[in-house]
Amino acid sequence: MSLVPDLVGYSCEESKKVMKQAGLQFTIHEAVAPKQDNKDGECRVIRQIQSDQQIEIVVSYF
C-alpha cells in the first residue's frame, strides 16, 4: 500500500483529490452531531482510520 497522507483538516473535496491522485481506495463516512441534523457549512475531514487495505475518512460540517 502507498504511503497514506494525513488528511485531517482538509476540505472534503481536497481530500478526495489527494486520495485519487495517490491511487488509494477509500470510503467516506459523515459524522453529524445529533443537534445538527443538517449539512450546512464547510465539510472537513475530522478523522482518518487505516486498517489493512481499508482507508476510512470521517467528515463533518462546520
PDB file of N, CA and C in Angstrom:
ATOM      1  N   MET A   1       0.841  -1.179   0.000  1.00  0.00           N
ATOM      2  CA  MET A   1       0.000   0.000   0.000  1.00  0.00           C
ATOM      3  C   MET A   1       0.884   1.239   0.000  1.00  0.00           C
ATOM      4  N   SER A   2       0.480   2.253  -0.737  1.00  0.00           N
ATOM      5  CA  SER A   2       1.214   3.515  -0.788  1.00  0.00           C
ATOM      6  C   SER A   2       1.153   4.218   0.555  1.00  0.00           C
ATOM      7  N   LEU A   3       2.052   5.160   0.720  1.00  0.00           N
ATOM      8  CA  LEU A   3       2.038   5.987   1.912  1.00  0.00           C
ATOM      9  C   LEU A   3       0.754   6.802   1.910  1.00  0.00           C
ATOM     10  N   VAL A   4       0.015   6.749   3.011  1.00  0.00           N
ATOM     11  CA  VAL A   4      -1.262   7.443   3.105  1.00  0.00           C
ATOM     12  C   VAL A   4      -1.033   8.821   3.716  1.00  0.00           C
ATOM     13  N   PRO A   5      -1.422   9.877   3.007  1.00  0.00           N
ATOM     14  CA  PRO A   5      -1.228  11.228   3.542  1.00  0.00           C
ATOM     15  C   PRO A   5      -2.176  11.505   4.703  1.00  0.00           C
ATOM     16  N   ASP A   6      -1.757  12.363   5.628  1.00  0.00           N
ATOM     17  CA  ASP A   6      -2.608  12.777   6.741  1.00  0.00           C
ATOM     18  C   ASP A   6      -3.564  13.836   6.216  1.00  0.00           C
ATOM     19  N   LEU A   7      -4.852  13.516   6.193  1.00  0.00           N
ATOM     20  CA  LEU A   7      -5.846  14.403   5.599  1.00  0.00           C
ATOM     21  C   LEU A   7      -6.680  15.165   6.623  1.00  0.00           C
ATOM     22  N   VAL A   8      -6.443  14.969   7.896  1.00  0.00           N
ATOM     23  CA  VAL A   8      -7.239  15.641   8.926  1.00  0.00           C
ATOM     24  C   VAL A   8      -7.117  17.151   8.742  1.00  0.00           C
ATOM     25  N   GLY A   9      -8.277  17.813   8.667  1.00  0.00           N
ATOM     26  CA  GLY A   9      -8.324  19.255   8.465  1.00  0.00           C
ATOM     27  C   GLY A   9      -8.545  19.656   7.018  1.00  0.00           C
ATOM     28  N   TYR A  10      -8.343  18.724   6.094  1.00  0.00           N
ATOM     29  CA  TYR A  10      -8.552  19.024   4.679  1.00  0.00           C
ATOM     30  C   TYR A  10     -10.045  19.182   4.396  1.00  0.00           C
ATOM     31  N   SER A  11     -10.362  19.936   3.355  1.00  0.00           N
ATOM     32  CA  SER A  11     -11.750  20.003   2.901  1.00  0.00           C
ATOM     33  C   SER A  11     -12.102  18.648   2.287  1.00  0.00           C
ATOM     34  N   CYS A  12     -13.382  18.356   2.212  1.00  0.00           N
ATOM     35  CA  CYS A  12     -13.811  17.072   1.643  1.00  0.00           C
ATOM     36  C   CYS A  12     -13.334  16.916   0.203  1.00  0.00           C
ATOM     37  N   GLU A  13     -13.500  17.954  -0.588  1.00  0.00           N
ATOM     38  CA  GLU A  13     -13.098  17.878  -1.993  1.00  0.00           C
ATOM     39  C   GLU A  13     -11.591  17.701  -2.140  1.00  0.00           C
ATOM     40  N   GLU A  14     -10.830  18.438  -1.355  1.00  0.00           N
ATOM     41  CA  GLU A  14      -9.368  18.337  -1.442  1.00  0.00           C
ATOM     42  C   GLU A  14      -8.899  16.943  -1.016  1.00  0.00           C
ATOM     43  N   SER A  15      -9.522  16.377   0.017  1.00  0.00           N
ATOM     44  CA  SER A  15      -9.113  15.047   0.479  1.00  0.00           C
ATOM     45  C   SER A  15      -9.387  13.990  -0.586  1.00  0.00           C
ATOM     46  N   LYS A  16     -10.526  14.091  -1.262  1.00  0.00           N
ATOM     47  CA  LYS A  16     -10.839  13.153  -2.347  1.00  0.00           C
ATOM     48  C   LYS A  16      -9.799  13.267  -3.465  1.00  0.00           C
ATOM     49  N   LYS A  17      -9.460  14.486  -3.800  1.00  0.00           N
ATOM     50  CA  LYS A  17      -8.485  14.740  -4.867  1.00  0.00           C
ATOM     51  C   LYS A  17      -7.129  14.120  -4.524  1.00  0.00           C
ATOM     52  N   VAL A  18      -6.667  14.332  -3.295  1.00  0.00           N
ATOM     53  CA  VAL A  18      -5.369  13.802  -2.859  1.00  0.00           C
ATOM     54  C   VAL A  18      -5.370  12.275  -2.897  1.00  0.00           C
ATOM     55  N   MET A  19      -6.436  11.662  -2.399  1.00  0.00           N
ATOM     56  CA  MET A  19      -6.507  10.198  -2.367  1.00  0.00           C
ATOM     57  C   MET A  19      -6.539   9.614  -3.778  1.00  0.00           C
ATOM     58  N   LYS A  20      -7.299  10.232  -4.663  1.00  0.00           N
ATOM     59  CA  LYS A  20      -7.371   9.739  -6.042  1.00  0.00           C
ATOM     60  C   LYS A  20      -6.027   9.892  -6.747  1.00  0.00           C
ATOM     61  N   GLN A  21      -5.352  11.017  -6.533  1.00  0.00           N
ATOM     62  CA  GLN A  21      -4.041  11.224  -7.152  1.00  0.00           C
ATOM     63  C   GLN A  21      -3.021  10.210  -6.647  1.00  0.00           C
ATOM     64  N   ALA A  22      -3.171   9.789  -5.383  1.00  0.00           N
ATOM     65  CA  ALA A  22      -2.263   8.796  -4.810  1.00  0.00           C
ATOM     66  C   ALA A  22      -2.639   7.377  -5.239  1.00  0.00           C
ATOM     67  N   GLY A  23      -3.801   7.235  -5.893  1.00  0.00           N
ATOM     68  CA  GLY A  23      -4.249   5.926  -6.352  1.00  0.00           C
ATOM     69  C   GLY A  23      -4.734   5.029  -5.229  1.00  0.00           C
ATOM     70  N   LEU A  24      -5.240   5.629  -4.152  1.00  0.00           N
ATOM     71  CA  LEU A  24      -5.680   4.868  -2.983  1.00  0.00           C
ATOM     72  C   LEU A  24      -7.196   4.702  -2.961  1.00  0.00           C
ATOM     73  N   GLN A  25      -7.633   3.528  -2.518  1.00  0.00           N
ATOM     74  CA  GLN A  25      -9.051   3.250  -2.346  1.00  0.00           C
ATOM     75  C   GLN A  25      -9.472   3.736  -0.966  1.00  0.00           C
ATOM     76  N   PHE A  26     -10.645   4.341  -0.867  1.00  0.00           N
ATOM     77  CA  PHE A  26     -11.087   4.880   0.411  1.00  0.00           C
ATOM     78  C   PHE A  26     -12.604   4.934   0.471  1.00  0.00           C
ATOM     79  N   THR A  27     -13.118   5.045   1.677  1.00  0.00           N
ATOM     80  CA  THR A  27     -14.543   5.281   1.892  1.00  0.00           C
ATOM     81  C   THR A  27     -14.683   6.533   2.738  1.00  0.00           C
ATOM     82  N   ILE A  28     -15.796   7.219   2.548  1.00  0.00           N
ATOM     83  CA  ILE A  28     -16.063   8.430   3.315  1.00  0.00           C
ATOM     84  C   ILE A  28     -17.327   8.213   4.132  1.00  0.00           C
ATOM     85  N   HIS A  29     -17.233   8.537   5.418  1.00  0.00           N
ATOM     86  CA  HIS A  29     -18.378   8.471   6.319  1.00  0.00           C
ATOM     87  C   HIS A  29     -18.624   9.860   6.873  1.00  0.00           C
ATOM     88  N   GLU A  30     -19.902  10.216   6.985  1.00  0.00           N
ATOM     89  CA  GLU A  30     -20.253  11.524   7.526  1.00  0.00           C
ATOM     90  C   GLU A  30     -20.625  11.397   8.990  1.00  0.00           C
ATOM     91  N   ALA A  31     -20.113  12.310   9.789  1.00  0.00           N
ATOM     92  CA  ALA A  31     -20.459  12.383  11.206  1.00  0.00           C
ATOM     93  C   ALA A  31     -21.171  13.717  11.422  1.00  0.00           C
ATOM     94  N   VAL A  32     -22.429  13.630  11.848  1.00  0.00           N
ATOM     95  CA  VAL A  32     -23.220  14.835  12.094  1.00  0.00           C
ATOM     96  C   VAL A  32     -23.703  14.784  13.531  1.00  0.00           C
ATOM     97  N   ALA A  33     -23.489  15.871  14.262  1.00  0.00           N
ATOM     98  CA  ALA A  33     -23.919  15.938  15.661  1.00  0.00           C
ATOM     99  C   ALA A  33     -25.435  15.784  15.744  1.00  0.00           C
ATOM    100  N   PRO A  34     -25.944  15.120  16.801  1.00  0.00           N
ATOM    101  CA  PRO A  34     -27.387  14.898  16.933  1.00  0.00           C
ATOM    102  C   PRO A  34     -28.211  16.188  16.864  1.00  0.00           C
ATOM    103  N   LYS A  35     -27.698  17.259  17.423  1.00  0.00           N
ATOM    104  CA  LYS A  35     -28.446  18.520  17.413  1.00  0.00           C
ATOM    105  C   LYS A  35     -28.276  19.272  16.101  1.00  0.00           C
ATOM    106  N   GLN A  36     -27.392  18.806  15.263  1.00  0.00           N
ATOM    107  CA  GLN A  36     -27.151  19.442  13.970  1.00  0.00           C
ATOM    108  C   GLN A  36     -27.425  18.414  12.884  1.00  0.00           C
ATOM    109  N   ASP A  37     -28.698  18.227  12.555  1.00  0.00           N
ATOM    110  CA  ASP A  37     -29.048  17.187  11.596  1.00  0.00           C
ATOM    111  C   ASP A  37     -28.931  17.646  10.140  1.00  0.00           C
ATOM    112  N   ASN A  38     -28.510  18.881   9.939  1.00  0.00           N
ATOM    113  CA  ASN A  38     -28.330  19.346   8.566  1.00  0.00           C
ATOM    114  C   ASN A  38     -26.846  19.333   8.196  1.00  0.00           C
ATOM    115  N   LYS A  39     -26.603  19.581   6.956  1.00  0.00           N
ATOM    116  CA  LYS A  39     -25.223  19.546   6.467  1.00  0.00           C
ATOM    117  C   LYS A  39     -24.811  20.928   5.977  1.00  0.00           C
ATOM    118  N   ASP A  40     -25.125  21.937   6.790  1.00  0.00           N
ATOM    119  CA  ASP A  40     -24.740  23.305   6.449  1.00  0.00           C
ATOM    120  C   ASP A  40     -23.291  23.532   6.827  1.00  0.00           C
ATOM    121  N   GLY A  41     -22.654  24.411   6.133  1.00  0.00           N
ATOM    122  CA  GLY A  41     -21.273  24.747   6.463  1.00  0.00           C
ATOM    123  C   GLY A  41     -20.281  23.998   5.605  1.00  0.00           C
ATOM    124  N   GLU A  42     -19.025  24.188   5.956  1.00  0.00           N
ATOM    125  CA  GLU A  42     -17.930  23.602   5.197  1.00  0.00           C
ATOM    126  C   GLU A  42     -17.648  22.176   5.662  1.00  0.00           C
ATOM    127  N   CYS A  43     -17.484  21.279   4.715  1.00  0.00           N
ATOM    128  CA  CYS A  43     -17.182  19.877   5.005  1.00  0.00           C
ATOM    129  C   CYS A  43     -15.675  19.721   5.179  1.00  0.00           C
ATOM    130  N   ARG A  44     -15.267  19.121   6.318  1.00  0.00           N
ATOM    131  CA  ARG A  44     -13.843  18.915   6.622  1.00  0.00           C
ATOM    132  C   ARG A  44     -13.615  17.504   7.143  1.00  0.00           C
ATOM    133  N   VAL A  45     -12.405  16.996   6.914  1.00  0.00           N
ATOM    134  CA  VAL A  45     -12.003  15.694   7.441  1.00  0.00           C
ATOM    135  C   VAL A  45     -11.699  15.857   8.929  1.00  0.00           C
ATOM    136  N   ILE A  46     -12.356  15.029   9.772  1.00  0.00           N
ATOM    137  CA  ILE A  46     -12.123  15.103  11.214  1.00  0.00           C
ATOM    138  C   ILE A  46     -11.387  13.880  11.748  1.00  0.00           C
ATOM    139  N   ARG A  47     -11.342  12.819  10.949  1.00  0.00           N
ATOM    140  CA  ARG A  47     -10.680  11.592  11.407  1.00  0.00           C
ATOM    141  C   ARG A  47     -10.306  10.752  10.199  1.00  0.00           C
ATOM    142  N   GLN A  48      -9.252   9.989  10.364  1.00  0.00           N
ATOM    143  CA  GLN A  48      -8.784   9.102   9.302  1.00  0.00           C
ATOM    144  C   GLN A  48      -8.389   7.786   9.947  1.00  0.00           C
ATOM    145  N   ILE A  49      -8.946   6.696   9.433  1.00  0.00           N
ATOM    146  CA  ILE A  49      -8.693   5.381  10.010  1.00  0.00           C
ATOM    147  C   ILE A  49      -8.139   4.474   8.911  1.00  0.00           C
ATOM    148  N   GLN A  50      -7.022   3.828   9.205  1.00  0.00           N
ATOM    149  CA  GLN A  50      -6.413   2.921   8.237  1.00  0.00           C
ATOM    150  C   GLN A  50      -6.251   1.553   8.880  1.00  0.00           C
ATOM    151  N   SER A  51      -6.790   0.534   8.208  1.00  0.00           N
ATOM    152  CA  SER A  51      -6.616  -0.836   8.682  1.00  0.00           C
ATOM    153  C   SER A  51      -6.479  -1.747   7.471  1.00  0.00           C
ATOM    154  N   ASP A  52      -5.425  -2.525   7.461  1.00  0.00           N
ATOM    155  CA  ASP A  52      -5.121  -3.410   6.330  1.00  0.00           C
ATOM    156  C   ASP A  52      -5.182  -2.626   5.022  1.00  0.00           C
ATOM    157  N   GLN A  53      -6.082  -3.006   4.144  1.00  0.00           N
ATOM    158  CA  GLN A  53      -6.205  -2.340   2.843  1.00  0.00           C
ATOM    159  C   GLN A  53      -7.319  -1.297   2.819  1.00  0.00           C
ATOM    160  N   GLN A  54      -7.932  -1.024   3.964  1.00  0.00           N
ATOM    161  CA  GLN A  54      -9.043  -0.083   4.035  1.00  0.00           C
ATOM    162  C   GLN A  54      -8.598   1.263   4.585  1.00  0.00           C
ATOM    163  N   ILE A  55      -9.049   2.336   3.969  1.00  0.00           N
ATOM    164  CA  ILE A  55      -8.825   3.680   4.481  1.00  0.00           C
ATOM    165  C   ILE A  55     -10.197   4.326   4.603  1.00  0.00           C
ATOM    166  N   GLU A  56     -10.530   4.734   5.797  1.00  0.00           N
ATOM    167  CA  GLU A  56     -11.819   5.361   6.063  1.00  0.00           C
ATOM    168  C   GLU A  56     -11.578   6.819   6.437  1.00  0.00           C
ATOM    169  N   ILE A  57     -12.300   7.704   5.774  1.00  0.00           N
ATOM    170  CA  ILE A  57     -12.204   9.126   6.053  1.00  0.00           C
ATOM    171  C   ILE A  57     -13.532   9.559   6.661  1.00  0.00           C
ATOM    172  N   VAL A  58     -13.473  10.168   7.839  1.00  0.00           N
ATOM    173  CA  VAL A  58     -14.677  10.639   8.523  1.00  0.00           C
ATOM    174  C   VAL A  58     -14.727  12.150   8.374  1.00  0.00           C
ATOM    175  N   VAL A  59     -15.872  12.651   7.896  1.00  0.00           N
ATOM    176  CA  VAL A  59     -16.025  14.083   7.661  1.00  0.00           C
ATOM    177  C   VAL A  59     -17.190  14.637   8.470  1.00  0.00           C
ATOM    178  N   SER A  60     -17.149  15.943   8.710  1.00  0.00           N
ATOM    179  CA  SER A  60     -18.241  16.625   9.388  1.00  0.00           C
ATOM    180  C   SER A  60     -18.351  18.030   8.819  1.00  0.00           C
ATOM    181  N   TYR A  61     -19.417  18.715   9.202  1.00  0.00           N
ATOM    182  CA  TYR A  61     -19.703  20.047   8.667  1.00  0.00           C
ATOM    183  C   TYR A  61     -19.535  21.090   9.752  1.00  0.00           C
ATOM    184  N   PHE A  62     -18.889  22.210   9.391  1.00  0.00           N
ATOM    185  CA  PHE A  62     -18.619  23.284  10.341  1.00  0.00           C
ATOM    186  C   PHE A  62     -19.111  24.595   9.790  1.00  0.00           C
TER     187      PHE A  62
END
